[in-house]
C-alpha cells in the first residue's frame, strides 16, 4: 500500500493540476477538499492549486451562463417543467441576483442552475464575471484550507499513519461528508 502512494505521487504531482481544473468544472466540493489534502501532503502546491481551482470554477460557471444566455429559450421550449421552475427560481432571486452570482457554488446544484438561469434572464455579464469570480475565489481558498486542515486533524487524531492510508482515510471521509450533505433532505 505504501508503495502505491509512492508510485502515484509523481503522477499526481505531474497531472494533479489538470485533474483539479477539470474536477472543479464537474464537481467542485469534493475536488477542492481533496486538493487541500494533497496540498497538506506536499503533493500539490497550495498557490498553484488555488489558481487552477478558481480558473476551472470560473470557466465552468461562464459556460453555463453563456449557454443560458444564448440557448436558454430553446432549452425552455424543450423542457416546460424547467421553464416553470426557472421562473419561480428567478423571481425569488431577482432582488438578490448579485449574491446568487457570488454564492452559487456554495449551494448544492447551484453551480449549474444559477449561472444558467442568470444567463437566461439576461443578467449583466460583467456583473456576473465580477461576482462569480469573487465567490469562486472565496470557495477555492476556504475549500483548500479546510482540506489542508482536515489532513492535519486526521494526523493529530490518528497519529502519523502511512501516507497512503492517511490519504485514503481522508478521501473516504470527504466523500462521505459530501454525499451526506448532497442527499440530506432539508
C-alpha atoms as a PDB file:
ATOM      1  CA  UNK A   1       0.000   0.000   0.000  1.00  0.00           C
ATOM      2  CA  UNK A   2       2.750   2.424   0.905  1.00  0.00           C
ATOM      3  CA  UNK A   3       4.383   1.772  -2.459  1.00  0.00           C
ATOM      4  CA  UNK A   4       1.137   2.650  -4.237  1.00  0.00           C
ATOM      5  CA  UNK A   5       1.222   6.222  -2.926  1.00  0.00           C
ATOM      6  CA  UNK A   6       4.915   6.456  -3.775  1.00  0.00           C
ATOM      7  CA  UNK A   7       4.056   5.309  -7.307  1.00  0.00           C
ATOM      8  CA  UNK A   8       1.096   7.685  -7.589  1.00  0.00           C
ATOM      9  CA  UNK A   9       2.805  10.752  -6.118  1.00  0.00           C
ATOM     10  CA  UNK A  10       4.811  11.650  -9.254  1.00  0.00           C
ATOM     11  CA  UNK A  11       1.720  11.066 -11.390  1.00  0.00           C
ATOM     12  CA  UNK A  12      -0.441  13.277  -9.154  1.00  0.00           C
ATOM     13  CA  UNK A  13       2.336  15.870  -8.997  1.00  0.00           C
ATOM     14  CA  UNK A  14       2.552  15.940 -12.785  1.00  0.00           C
ATOM     15  CA  UNK A  15      -1.159  15.811 -13.684  1.00  0.00           C
ATOM     16  CA  UNK A  16      -2.806  16.893 -10.446  1.00  0.00           C
ATOM     17  CA  UNK A  17      -3.440  20.478 -11.528  1.00  0.00           C
ATOM     18  CA  UNK A  18      -5.097  19.309 -14.745  1.00  0.00           C
ATOM     19  CA  UNK A  19      -7.293  16.984 -12.693  1.00  0.00           C
ATOM     20  CA  UNK A  20      -8.137  19.831 -10.302  1.00  0.00           C
ATOM     21  CA  UNK A  21      -9.025  22.123 -13.229  1.00  0.00           C
ATOM     22  CA  UNK A  22     -11.439  19.659 -14.825  1.00  0.00           C
ATOM     23  CA  UNK A  23     -12.652  18.389 -11.451  1.00  0.00           C
ATOM     24  CA  UNK A  24     -13.708  21.903 -10.479  1.00  0.00           C
ATOM     25  CA  UNK A  25     -15.695  22.088 -13.694  1.00  0.00           C
ATOM     26  CA  UNK A  26     -17.558  18.877 -12.876  1.00  0.00           C
ATOM     27  CA  UNK A  27     -17.831  18.559  -9.080  1.00  0.00           C
ATOM     28  CA  UNK A  28     -16.145  21.261  -7.084  1.00  0.00           C
ATOM     29  CA  UNK A  29     -16.880  20.372  -3.474  1.00  0.00           C
ATOM     30  CA  UNK A  30     -15.098  17.036  -3.257  1.00  0.00           C
ATOM     31  CA  UNK A  31     -12.363  18.136  -5.634  1.00  0.00           C
ATOM     32  CA  UNK A  32     -11.418  21.241  -3.659  1.00  0.00           C
ATOM     33  CA  UNK A  33     -11.338  19.379  -0.333  1.00  0.00           C
ATOM     34  CA  UNK A  34      -9.249  16.504  -1.707  1.00  0.00           C
ATOM     35  CA  UNK A  35      -6.956  19.051  -3.359  1.00  0.00           C
ATOM     36  CA  UNK A  36      -6.452  20.701   0.036  1.00  0.00           C
ATOM     37  CA  UNK A  37      -5.432  17.344   1.490  1.00  0.00           C
ATOM     38  CA  UNK A  38      -2.983  16.848  -1.374  1.00  0.00           C
ATOM     39  CA  UNK A  39      -1.545  20.291  -0.601  1.00  0.00           C
ATOM     40  CA  UNK A  40      -1.177  19.267   3.050  1.00  0.00           C
ATOM     41  CA  UNK A  41       0.663  16.118   1.989  1.00  0.00           C
ATOM     42  CA  UNK A  42       3.009  18.253  -0.110  1.00  0.00           C
ATOM     43  CA  UNK A  43       1.967  16.605  -3.374  1.00  0.00           C
ATOM     44  CA  UNK A  44       0.412  19.787  -4.804  1.00  0.00           C
ATOM     45  CA  UNK A  45       1.350  23.420  -4.283  1.00  0.00           C
ATOM     46  CA  UNK A  46      -1.300  25.435  -2.446  1.00  0.00           C
ATOM     47  CA  UNK A  47      -0.828  28.551  -4.608  1.00  0.00           C
ATOM     48  CA  UNK A  48      -0.937  26.759  -7.961  1.00  0.00           C
ATOM     49  CA  UNK A  49      -3.861  24.597  -6.894  1.00  0.00           C
ATOM     50  CA  UNK A  50      -5.749  27.673  -5.712  1.00  0.00           C
ATOM     51  CA  UNK A  51      -5.257  29.454  -9.034  1.00  0.00           C
ATOM     52  CA  UNK A  52      -6.225  26.403 -11.110  1.00  0.00           C
ATOM     53  CA  UNK A  53      -9.307  25.728  -8.945  1.00  0.00           C
ATOM     54  CA  UNK A  54     -10.529  29.307  -9.398  1.00  0.00           C
ATOM     55  CA  UNK A  55      -9.939  29.160 -13.154  1.00  0.00           C
ATOM     56  CA  UNK A  56     -11.787  25.836 -13.512  1.00  0.00           C
ATOM     57  CA  UNK A  57     -14.728  27.099 -11.476  1.00  0.00           C
ATOM     58  CA  UNK A  58     -14.994  30.426 -13.290  1.00  0.00           C
ATOM     59  CA  UNK A  59     -14.740  28.797 -16.717  1.00  0.00           C
ATOM     60  CA  UNK A  60     -17.414  26.241 -15.884  1.00  0.00           C
ATOM     61  CA  UNK A  61     -19.760  28.864 -14.456  1.00  0.00           C
ATOM     62  CA  UNK A  62     -19.311  31.011 -17.561  1.00  0.00           C
ATOM     63  CA  UNK A  63     -20.039  28.100 -19.875  1.00  0.00           C
ATOM     64  CA  UNK A  64     -23.372  27.588 -18.098  1.00  0.00           C
ATOM     65  CA  UNK A  65     -24.040  31.332 -18.083  1.00  0.00           C
ATOM     66  CA  UNK A  66     -23.379  31.627 -21.835  1.00  0.00           C
ATOM     67  CA  UNK A  67     -25.462  28.527 -22.571  1.00  0.00           C
ATOM     68  CA  UNK A  68     -28.312  30.136 -20.645  1.00  0.00           C
ATOM     69  CA  UNK A  69     -27.857  33.440 -22.440  1.00  0.00           C
ATOM     70  CA  UNK A  70     -27.720  32.045 -25.975  1.00  0.00           C
ATOM     71  CA  UNK A  71     -29.632  28.763 -25.811  1.00  0.00           C
ATOM     72  CA  UNK A  72     -31.846  29.210 -22.779  1.00  0.00           C
ATOM     73  CA  UNK A  73     -35.040  29.865 -24.702  1.00  0.00           C
ATOM     74  CA  UNK A  74     -34.609  26.712 -26.818  1.00  0.00           C
ATOM     75  CA  UNK A  75     -33.880  24.705 -23.668  1.00  0.00           C
ATOM     76  CA  UNK A  76     -37.065  26.044 -22.087  1.00  0.00           C
ATOM     77  CA  UNK A  77     -39.150  25.093 -25.127  1.00  0.00           C
ATOM     78  CA  UNK A  78     -37.884  21.508 -24.884  1.00  0.00           C
ATOM     79  CA  UNK A  79     -38.372  21.269 -21.114  1.00  0.00           C
ATOM     80  CA  UNK A  80     -41.588  23.035 -19.974  1.00  0.00           C
ATOM     81  CA  UNK A  81     -41.079  21.904 -16.373  1.00  0.00           C
ATOM     82  CA  UNK A  82     -37.708  23.634 -16.325  1.00  0.00           C
ATOM     83  CA  UNK A  83     -39.331  26.781 -17.734  1.00  0.00           C
ATOM     84  CA  UNK A  84     -41.839  26.919 -14.878  1.00  0.00           C
ATOM     85  CA  UNK A  85     -39.164  26.252 -12.287  1.00  0.00           C
ATOM     86  CA  UNK A  86     -36.762  28.786 -13.788  1.00  0.00           C
ATOM     87  CA  UNK A  87     -39.428  31.478 -13.490  1.00  0.00           C
ATOM     88  CA  UNK A  88     -40.021  30.525  -9.847  1.00  0.00           C
ATOM     89  CA  UNK A  89     -36.303  30.484  -9.090  1.00  0.00           C
ATOM     90  CA  UNK A  90     -35.585  33.746 -10.883  1.00  0.00           C
ATOM     91  CA  UNK A  91     -38.476  35.576  -9.248  1.00  0.00           C
ATOM     92  CA  UNK A  92     -37.151  34.516  -5.850  1.00  0.00           C
ATOM     93  CA  UNK A  93     -33.552  35.539  -6.639  1.00  0.00           C
ATOM     94  CA  UNK A  94     -34.190  38.663  -8.716  1.00  0.00           C
ATOM     95  CA  UNK A  95     -33.561  41.089  -5.861  1.00  0.00           C
ATOM     96  CA  UNK A  96     -30.506  39.109  -4.722  1.00  0.00           C
ATOM     97  CA  UNK A  97     -29.021  38.231  -8.113  1.00  0.00           C
ATOM     98  CA  UNK A  98     -25.599  39.659  -7.181  1.00  0.00           C
ATOM     99  CA  UNK A  99     -25.458  37.486  -4.080  1.00  0.00           C
ATOM    100  CA  UNK A 100     -26.609  34.437  -6.048  1.00  0.00           C
ATOM    101  CA  UNK A 101     -23.931  35.054  -8.690  1.00  0.00           C
ATOM    102  CA  UNK A 102     -21.268  35.063  -5.990  1.00  0.00           C
ATOM    103  CA  UNK A 103     -22.574  32.153  -3.897  1.00  0.00           C
ATOM    104  CA  UNK A 104     -23.965  29.697  -6.477  1.00  0.00           C
ATOM    105  CA  UNK A 105     -21.089  27.251  -5.890  1.00  0.00           C
ATOM    106  CA  UNK A 106     -21.855  27.156  -2.176  1.00  0.00           C
ATOM    107  CA  UNK A 107     -25.313  25.704  -2.902  1.00  0.00           C
ATOM    108  CA  UNK A 108     -25.729  22.049  -3.884  1.00  0.00           C
ATOM    109  CA  UNK A 109     -26.527  22.015  -7.601  1.00  0.00           C
ATOM    110  CA  UNK A 110     -26.204  25.779  -7.746  1.00  0.00           C
ATOM    111  CA  UNK A 111     -23.051  25.775  -9.875  1.00  0.00           C
ATOM    112  CA  UNK A 112     -25.117  24.728 -12.883  1.00  0.00           C
ATOM    113  CA  UNK A 113     -28.629  26.019 -12.388  1.00  0.00           C
ATOM    114  CA  UNK A 114     -27.936  29.553 -11.139  1.00  0.00           C
ATOM    115  CA  UNK A 115     -25.450  30.609 -13.852  1.00  0.00           C
ATOM    116  CA  UNK A 116     -27.782  29.069 -16.451  1.00  0.00           C
ATOM    117  CA  UNK A 117     -30.796  30.987 -15.142  1.00  0.00           C
ATOM    118  CA  UNK A 118     -28.858  34.232 -14.692  1.00  0.00           C
ATOM    119  CA  UNK A 119     -27.701  33.976 -18.310  1.00  0.00           C
ATOM    120  CA  UNK A 120     -31.199  33.123 -19.483  1.00  0.00           C
ATOM    121  CA  UNK A 121     -32.673  36.130 -17.695  1.00  0.00           C
ATOM    122  CA  UNK A 122     -30.045  38.451 -19.225  1.00  0.00           C
ATOM    123  CA  UNK A 123     -28.215  39.258 -16.002  1.00  0.00           C
ATOM    124  CA  UNK A 124     -25.335  41.589 -16.990  1.00  0.00           C
ATOM    125  CA  UNK A 125     -22.280  39.535 -17.968  1.00  0.00           C
ATOM    126  CA  UNK A 126     -19.755  41.970 -16.455  1.00  0.00           C
ATOM    127  CA  UNK A 127     -21.540  41.792 -13.093  1.00  0.00           C
ATOM    128  CA  UNK A 128     -21.716  38.016 -13.354  1.00  0.00           C
ATOM    129  CA  UNK A 129     -17.986  37.821 -14.065  1.00  0.00           C
ATOM    130  CA  UNK A 130     -17.168  40.053 -11.101  1.00  0.00           C
ATOM    131  CA  UNK A 131     -19.416  38.406  -8.515  1.00  0.00           C
ATOM    132  CA  UNK A 132     -18.846  34.854  -9.752  1.00  0.00           C
ATOM    133  CA  UNK A 133     -15.068  35.274  -9.697  1.00  0.00           C
ATOM    134  CA  UNK A 134     -15.196  36.692  -6.170  1.00  0.00           C
ATOM    135  CA  UNK A 135     -17.354  33.784  -4.980  1.00  0.00           C
ATOM    136  CA  UNK A 136     -15.223  31.162  -6.711  1.00  0.00           C
ATOM    137  CA  UNK A 137     -12.084  32.709  -5.204  1.00  0.00           C
ATOM    138  CA  UNK A 138     -13.532  32.553  -1.695  1.00  0.00           C
ATOM    139  CA  UNK A 139     -14.725  28.973  -2.228  1.00  0.00           C
ATOM    140  CA  UNK A 140     -11.335  27.837  -3.524  1.00  0.00           C
ATOM    141  CA  UNK A 141      -9.485  29.398  -0.595  1.00  0.00           C
ATOM    142  CA  UNK A 142     -11.901  28.076   2.031  1.00  0.00           C
ATOM    143  CA  UNK A 143     -12.121  24.610   0.453  1.00  0.00           C
ATOM    144  CA  UNK A 144      -8.370  24.212   0.071  1.00  0.00           C
ATOM    145  CA  UNK A 145      -7.812  25.481   3.612  1.00  0.00           C
ATOM    146  CA  UNK A 146     -10.450  23.135   5.006  1.00  0.00           C
ATOM    147  CA  UNK A 147      -8.917  20.179   3.152  1.00  0.00           C
ATOM    148  CA  UNK A 148      -5.464  21.175   4.380  1.00  0.00           C
ATOM    149  CA  UNK A 149      -6.611  21.391   7.985  1.00  0.00           C
ATOM    150  CA  UNK A 150      -8.600  18.180   7.627  1.00  0.00           C
ATOM    151  CA  UNK A 151      -5.312  16.467   6.762  1.00  0.00           C
ATOM    152  CA  UNK A 152      -3.750  17.999   9.874  1.00  0.00           C
ATOM    153  CA  UNK A 153      -6.697  16.934  12.056  1.00  0.00           C
ATOM    154  CA  UNK A 154      -6.642  13.334  10.849  1.00  0.00           C
ATOM    155  CA  UNK A 155      -2.925  13.130  11.570  1.00  0.00           C
ATOM    156  CA  UNK A 156      -3.459  14.653  15.018  1.00  0.00           C
ATOM    157  CA  UNK A 157      -6.280  12.221  15.840  1.00  0.00           C
ATOM    158  CA  UNK A 158      -4.721   9.062  14.469  1.00  0.00           C
ATOM    159  CA  UNK A 159      -1.056   9.854  14.707  1.00  0.00           C
ATOM    160  CA  UNK A 160       1.435   9.527  11.914  1.00  0.00           C
ATOM    161  CA  UNK A 161      -0.054   6.835   9.709  1.00  0.00           C
ATOM    162  CA  UNK A 162       1.427   5.689   6.451  1.00  0.00           C
ATOM    163  CA  UNK A 163       0.802   8.309   3.806  1.00  0.00           C
ATOM    164  CA  UNK A 164      -1.376   6.106   1.580  1.00  0.00           C
ATOM    165  CA  UNK A 165      -3.674   5.097   4.425  1.00  0.00           C
ATOM    166  CA  UNK A 166      -3.770   8.725   5.555  1.00  0.00           C
ATOM    167  CA  UNK A 167      -4.816   9.890   2.104  1.00  0.00           C
ATOM    168  CA  UNK A 168      -7.321   7.064   1.672  1.00  0.00           C
ATOM    169  CA  UNK A 169      -8.939   7.755   5.051  1.00  0.00           C
ATOM    170  CA  UNK A 170      -9.280  11.463   4.311  1.00  0.00           C
ATOM    171  CA  UNK A 171     -10.690  10.897   0.827  1.00  0.00           C
ATOM    172  CA  UNK A 172     -13.272   8.443   2.177  1.00  0.00           C
ATOM    173  CA  UNK A 173     -14.215  10.920   4.904  1.00  0.00           C
ATOM    174  CA  UNK A 174     -14.620  13.742   2.380  1.00  0.00           C
ATOM    175  CA  UNK A 175     -16.712  11.621   0.018  1.00  0.00           C
ATOM    176  CA  UNK A 176     -18.932  10.501   2.898  1.00  0.00           C
ATOM    177  CA  UNK A 177     -19.486  14.045   4.186  1.00  0.00           C
ATOM    178  CA  UNK A 178     -20.186  15.455   0.717  1.00  0.00           C
ATOM    179  CA  UNK A 179     -22.550  12.580  -0.099  1.00  0.00           C
ATOM    180  CA  UNK A 180     -24.389  13.070   3.198  1.00  0.00           C
ATOM    181  CA  UNK A 181     -24.962  16.776   2.630  1.00  0.00           C
ATOM    182  CA  UNK A 182     -25.980  16.323  -1.003  1.00  0.00           C
ATOM    183  CA  UNK A 183     -28.540  13.647  -0.143  1.00  0.00           C
ATOM    184  CA  UNK A 184     -29.836  15.124   3.086  1.00  0.00           C
ATOM    185  CA  UNK A 185     -33.486  16.133   2.829  1.00  0.00           C
ATOM    186  CA  UNK A 186     -33.999  19.587   4.256  1.00  0.00           C
END
